[in-house]
Protein backbone atom coordinates (compact mmCIF):
# COMPACT_ATOMS: atom_id res chain seq x y z
CA MET A 1 100.11 66.77 86.74
CA THR A 2 100.07 67.79 90.41
CA GLN A 3 103.10 69.73 91.61
CA ARG A 4 104.44 69.10 95.09
CA ILE A 5 105.63 71.75 97.50
CA MET A 6 107.69 71.43 100.67
CA MET A 7 106.65 73.28 103.82
CA ILE A 8 108.88 74.07 106.78
CA GLY A 9 106.72 74.30 109.90
CA TYR A 10 103.07 73.39 110.43
CA GLY A 11 101.58 75.78 112.96
CA ALA A 12 98.48 77.95 112.49
CA MET A 13 99.81 79.55 109.31
CA GLY A 14 101.04 76.30 107.80
CA ARG A 15 97.69 74.63 108.37
CA GLU A 16 95.84 77.55 106.79
CA VAL A 17 98.14 77.52 103.76
CA HIS A 18 97.67 73.76 103.40
CA ARG A 19 93.89 74.13 103.61
CA LEU A 20 93.91 76.76 100.85
CA LEU A 21 96.41 75.16 98.47
CA PRO A 22 95.12 75.58 94.90
CA GLU A 23 94.06 72.55 92.93
CA GLY A 24 97.09 71.18 91.12
CA LEU A 25 99.36 71.52 94.15
CA SER A 26 99.92 69.13 97.04
CA LEU A 27 101.96 69.12 100.23
CA GLY A 28 104.64 66.63 99.29
CA TRP A 29 107.06 67.16 102.19
CA LEU A 30 106.79 68.69 105.63
CA VAL A 31 109.87 69.61 107.69
CA LEU A 32 109.34 69.44 111.45
CA PRO A 33 111.37 68.93 114.63
CA GLU A 34 112.02 65.25 115.34
CA ALA A 35 109.72 65.32 118.37
CA ASP A 36 106.71 66.33 116.23
CA ILE A 37 107.12 63.85 113.40
CA GLN A 38 105.16 60.88 114.75
CA ARG A 39 102.05 62.94 115.45
CA ALA A 40 102.28 64.66 112.06
CA ARG A 41 102.54 61.33 110.23
CA ALA A 42 99.30 60.25 111.83
CA GLU A 43 97.63 63.53 110.83
CA LEU A 44 99.07 63.68 107.30
CA PRO A 45 99.51 60.12 106.03
CA ASP A 46 99.98 61.21 102.39
CA THR A 47 102.80 63.66 103.17
CA ILE A 48 106.47 62.74 103.65
CA ILE A 49 107.49 64.08 107.08
CA ILE A 50 111.20 64.79 107.59
CA SER A 51 113.38 66.63 110.09
CA ARG A 52 116.20 67.68 107.74
CA ILE A 53 116.24 68.96 104.16
CA GLU A 54 118.89 66.37 103.30
CA GLN A 55 116.29 63.63 103.79
CA CYS A 56 114.38 64.75 100.69
CA ASP A 57 115.51 62.73 97.66
CA ASP A 58 113.46 64.63 95.08
CA THR A 59 112.98 68.28 94.03
CA PRO A 60 109.95 70.22 95.28
CA SER A 61 108.44 72.85 93.01
CA LEU A 62 108.68 75.37 95.86
CA VAL A 63 109.73 75.41 99.51
CA VAL A 64 107.60 77.61 101.76
CA GLU A 65 108.86 78.58 105.22
CA CYS A 66 106.14 78.93 107.86
CA ALA A 67 108.25 77.94 110.86
CA GLY A 68 109.25 81.21 112.52
CA HIS A 69 112.76 82.57 112.94
CA PRO A 70 114.38 79.37 114.29
CA GLY A 71 113.00 77.31 111.41
CA LEU A 72 114.40 79.65 108.78
CA ALA A 73 117.79 79.71 110.49
CA ALA A 74 117.86 75.91 110.80
CA HIS A 75 116.84 74.97 107.26
CA GLY A 76 117.17 77.96 104.93
CA GLU A 77 120.77 77.41 103.86
CA ALA A 78 120.19 73.73 103.05
CA VAL A 79 117.27 74.64 100.77
CA LEU A 80 119.17 77.35 98.90
CA ASN A 81 122.33 75.26 98.57
CA ARG A 82 120.29 72.77 96.56
CA GLY A 83 119.26 75.37 94.04
CA TRP A 84 115.63 75.43 95.19
CA THR A 85 113.39 78.48 95.61
CA LEU A 86 112.61 79.35 99.25
CA ALA A 87 109.56 81.51 99.92
CA VAL A 88 110.28 83.24 103.24
CA MET A 89 107.52 84.21 105.65
CA SER A 90 109.64 84.90 108.78
CA ILE A 91 111.18 88.03 107.31
CA GLY A 92 111.96 89.43 110.75
CA ALA A 93 114.71 86.82 111.08
CA LEU A 94 116.57 88.64 108.29
CA SER A 95 117.15 91.56 110.66
CA ASP A 96 120.06 89.38 111.79
CA SER A 97 122.64 90.53 109.23
CA GLY A 98 124.71 87.39 109.76
CA LEU A 99 121.79 85.11 108.92
CA TYR A 100 120.84 87.25 105.93
CA GLU A 101 124.36 87.04 104.51
CA ARG A 102 124.57 83.28 105.08
CA LEU A 103 121.29 82.73 103.25
CA ARG A 104 122.26 85.07 100.44
CA GLN A 105 125.62 83.33 100.00
CA ALA A 106 123.94 79.93 100.03
CA ALA A 107 121.68 81.12 97.20
CA VAL A 108 124.70 82.39 95.25
CA ASP A 109 126.68 79.19 95.79
CA GLY A 110 123.83 76.77 95.15
CA GLY A 111 121.88 78.66 92.52
CA GLY A 112 118.78 78.94 94.70
CA LYS A 113 116.50 81.93 95.10
CA MET A 114 115.13 83.50 98.26
CA GLN A 115 111.65 84.93 97.66
CA ILE A 116 110.58 87.57 100.20
CA LEU A 117 106.80 87.38 100.62
CA SER A 118 104.73 90.52 101.17
CA GLY A 119 103.06 88.94 104.20
CA ALA A 120 100.53 91.00 106.13
CA VAL A 121 100.98 94.26 104.25
CA ALA A 122 100.33 95.79 100.81
CA GLY A 123 102.28 98.24 98.69
CA MET A 124 105.65 96.48 98.71
CA ASP A 125 105.89 96.48 94.92
CA GLY A 126 105.47 100.26 94.90
CA LEU A 127 107.93 100.75 97.74
CA ALA A 128 110.59 98.65 96.03
CA SER A 129 110.01 100.56 92.79
CA ALA A 130 110.32 103.90 94.58
CA ARG A 131 113.66 102.78 96.03
CA GLU A 132 115.09 102.61 92.50
CA GLY A 133 114.65 106.37 92.18
CA GLY A 134 115.74 107.29 95.71
CA LEU A 135 113.75 107.13 98.93
CA THR A 136 114.05 109.87 101.55
CA ALA A 137 112.04 108.48 104.44
CA VAL A 138 109.91 105.44 105.30
CA THR A 139 107.89 105.12 108.51
CA TYR A 140 105.68 102.27 109.67
CA GLU A 141 103.11 102.12 112.46
CA ALA A 142 101.49 98.90 113.72
CA ARG A 143 98.35 99.08 115.87
CA LYS A 144 96.92 95.86 117.34
CA ALA A 145 94.57 94.69 120.07
CA PRO A 146 96.07 93.73 123.47
CA LYS A 147 95.59 89.98 122.82
CA SER A 148 97.82 90.24 119.75
CA TRP A 149 100.71 91.47 121.92
CA LYS A 150 100.25 88.81 124.63
CA GLY A 151 103.30 86.64 125.12
CA SER A 152 105.61 89.24 123.58
CA PRO A 153 108.07 91.72 125.16
CA ALA A 154 105.25 94.27 125.04
CA GLU A 155 104.04 92.79 128.35
CA ALA A 156 107.16 94.17 130.05
CA LEU A 157 106.66 97.62 128.51
CA ILE A 158 102.95 98.23 129.10
CA ASP A 159 100.10 96.72 131.13
CA LEU A 160 98.08 95.13 128.34
CA ASP A 161 95.17 94.30 130.64
CA SER A 162 94.58 97.85 131.89
CA VAL A 163 95.32 100.02 128.85
CA THR A 164 92.25 102.12 127.96
CA GLU A 165 93.33 103.99 124.82
CA ALA A 166 95.66 103.55 121.87
CA THR A 167 99.20 103.78 123.29
CA ALA A 168 102.65 103.49 121.72
CA PHE A 169 105.05 101.25 123.64
CA PHE A 170 107.94 101.06 121.15
CA GLU A 171 109.62 103.49 118.78
CA GLY A 172 112.84 102.64 117.00
CA SER A 173 114.31 101.11 113.87
CA ALA A 174 112.83 98.25 111.88
CA GLY A 175 115.75 96.05 112.87
CA GLU A 176 115.17 96.67 116.57
CA ALA A 177 111.43 96.02 116.20
CA ALA A 178 111.95 92.77 114.32
CA ARG A 179 114.50 91.46 116.80
CA GLN A 180 112.51 92.39 119.92
CA PHE A 181 109.08 91.35 118.61
CA PRO A 182 109.75 88.40 116.27
CA ALA A 183 106.20 87.05 116.40
CA ASN A 184 104.61 90.41 115.61
CA ALA A 185 107.02 92.58 113.63
CA ASN A 186 107.74 90.67 110.43
CA VAL A 187 106.03 93.51 108.57
CA ALA A 188 108.62 95.98 109.82
CA ALA A 189 111.40 93.85 108.36
CA THR A 190 109.54 93.39 105.06
CA ILE A 191 109.12 97.14 104.68
CA ALA A 192 112.78 97.67 105.52
CA LEU A 193 114.00 95.13 102.94
CA CYS A 194 111.81 96.69 100.25
CA GLY A 195 112.80 100.25 101.21
CA LEU A 196 115.54 101.95 103.21
CA GLY A 197 116.92 99.04 105.18
CA MET A 198 116.73 97.92 108.79
CA ASP A 199 118.40 100.94 110.39
CA ALA A 200 116.81 103.80 108.44
CA THR A 201 113.20 102.56 108.51
CA ARG A 202 111.39 104.02 111.51
CA VAL A 203 108.80 101.97 113.41
CA ARG A 204 106.13 102.69 116.02
CA LEU A 205 104.28 99.81 117.73
CA MET A 206 100.96 100.50 119.45
CA VAL A 207 98.34 98.66 121.48
CA ASP A 208 94.71 99.66 120.97
CA PRO A 209 92.03 98.14 123.24
CA ASN A 210 89.29 99.49 120.93
CA THR A 211 90.17 97.44 117.89
CA GLN A 212 89.91 93.80 116.90
CA CYS A 213 91.94 94.06 113.70
CA ASN A 214 95.60 94.73 112.91
CA THR A 215 96.22 98.18 111.44
CA HIS A 216 99.35 98.87 109.38
CA ARG A 217 100.25 102.39 108.27
CA ILE A 218 103.15 103.11 105.90
CA HIS A 219 104.38 106.53 104.81
CA ALA A 220 107.07 106.78 102.11
CA VAL A 221 108.68 109.90 100.66
CA GLY A 222 111.22 110.19 97.85
CA GLU A 223 112.04 111.44 94.38
CA PHE A 224 108.97 109.60 93.06
CA GLY A 225 106.65 111.66 95.29
CA GLU A 226 104.86 110.41 98.39
CA PHE A 227 102.42 107.68 99.33
CA HIS A 228 100.44 106.46 102.33
CA VAL A 229 99.19 102.89 102.76
CA GLU A 230 96.73 102.00 105.51
CA MET A 231 95.45 98.47 106.05
CA HIS A 232 93.04 96.97 108.55
CA GLY A 233 93.67 93.24 108.54
CA ASN A 234 92.02 90.38 110.40
CA PRO A 235 94.17 87.86 112.32
CA LEU A 236 93.77 84.12 111.91
CA ALA A 237 91.08 82.80 114.23
CA SER A 238 93.51 80.14 115.44
CA ASN A 239 96.34 82.57 116.24
CA PRO A 240 95.81 86.31 116.95
CA LYS A 241 99.52 86.99 116.32
CA THR A 242 99.24 85.83 112.70
CA SER A 243 97.63 87.88 109.93
CA MET A 244 95.18 86.20 107.59
CA LEU A 245 96.69 88.17 104.70
CA ALA A 246 100.16 86.83 105.58
CA ALA A 247 98.90 83.28 105.11
CA LEU A 248 97.24 84.31 101.86
CA SER A 249 100.53 85.73 100.59
CA VAL A 250 102.00 82.22 100.91
CA VAL A 251 99.03 80.77 99.04
CA ARG A 252 99.57 83.34 96.27
CA ALA A 253 103.23 82.33 95.95
CA CYS A 254 102.09 78.73 95.56
CA ARG A 255 99.45 79.64 92.96
CA GLN A 256 102.10 81.40 90.87
CA LEU A 257 103.59 77.96 90.19
CA LEU A 258 100.49 77.18 88.15
CA ASP A 259 99.61 80.48 86.48
CA PRO A 260 101.15 81.37 83.09
CA VAL A 261 100.83 85.08 83.95
CA VAL A 262 102.60 86.23 87.14
CA LEU A 263 101.46 89.45 88.82
C-alpha cells in the first residue's frame, strides 16, 4: 500500500525530493501560499493542494518542510499540534529561540515530533553522540562560489564579482550566521543544534572564486577526543544556494518510512 506524505513548499528542493521519492510513497498533500495554488493544481493534478494544515482531513505518514524559514514559522505548530512528525529542512529558522520554543511546546502538547534533518552536511550523528560526553569546542567553515552567495547579505560585505581568492566575509556565532544568511547557513544551525548550541558554535563564511562546489569543514573537540569532517558538495543545478545532499537527506527521511531497519 502506498503511503502519502505532505510537503510544505515546492521550490527547487521540493521538486527534487518529489522526483526522487522512493516507490511506495506519493505526494498526497502540498502546502503552498494561496497565490500559488491554481498553478500547482495544474502541474500536480493527483496531489491535494492546500494553503493551511487545517484543510487536511486525513493523516500523512510524514510532513516534510521544504519551504524556507517563513514556511516553517507559518505551518510548523499546526503540524506538531496534530501529533504528526515534521521533518525540518529550514533548520536556520530555529536560531530564533522564540520559534524553537513554540514548535517544541506544540510537539509536547500535541504529541508530535520534530525531526531535524542532517541536510547538506555529514557527521551529525557523531557530533550529537560526542555531546553526551561533553564537548569543548565546535567550529564550522563554509566555502562557496560567488554565485552561491548572490542575493544574500554577503553582497553588502564583499564584492562578489571582483574577489580573486578565497576570502572570509563573516565570523561569528552559528545563531548570527543562520539569522543573517538564512538561505545559505542552515548547516551552521544544524551543527549548533547537534553540538554546543547557537551561541557557542563558531562559524566562518567564505567566498572562493576558484571552486564550483560547496565545502563544509567541521572541527569538534571534547572528552571523546577530536574529529574533523570535510565535505565538498555539489549544489542543485536549479538553485546554486541549495545543496544536492540536503535534498537527499529529505529523501532519506521519506525512505525510512518504508525500511524495517533504520540507520
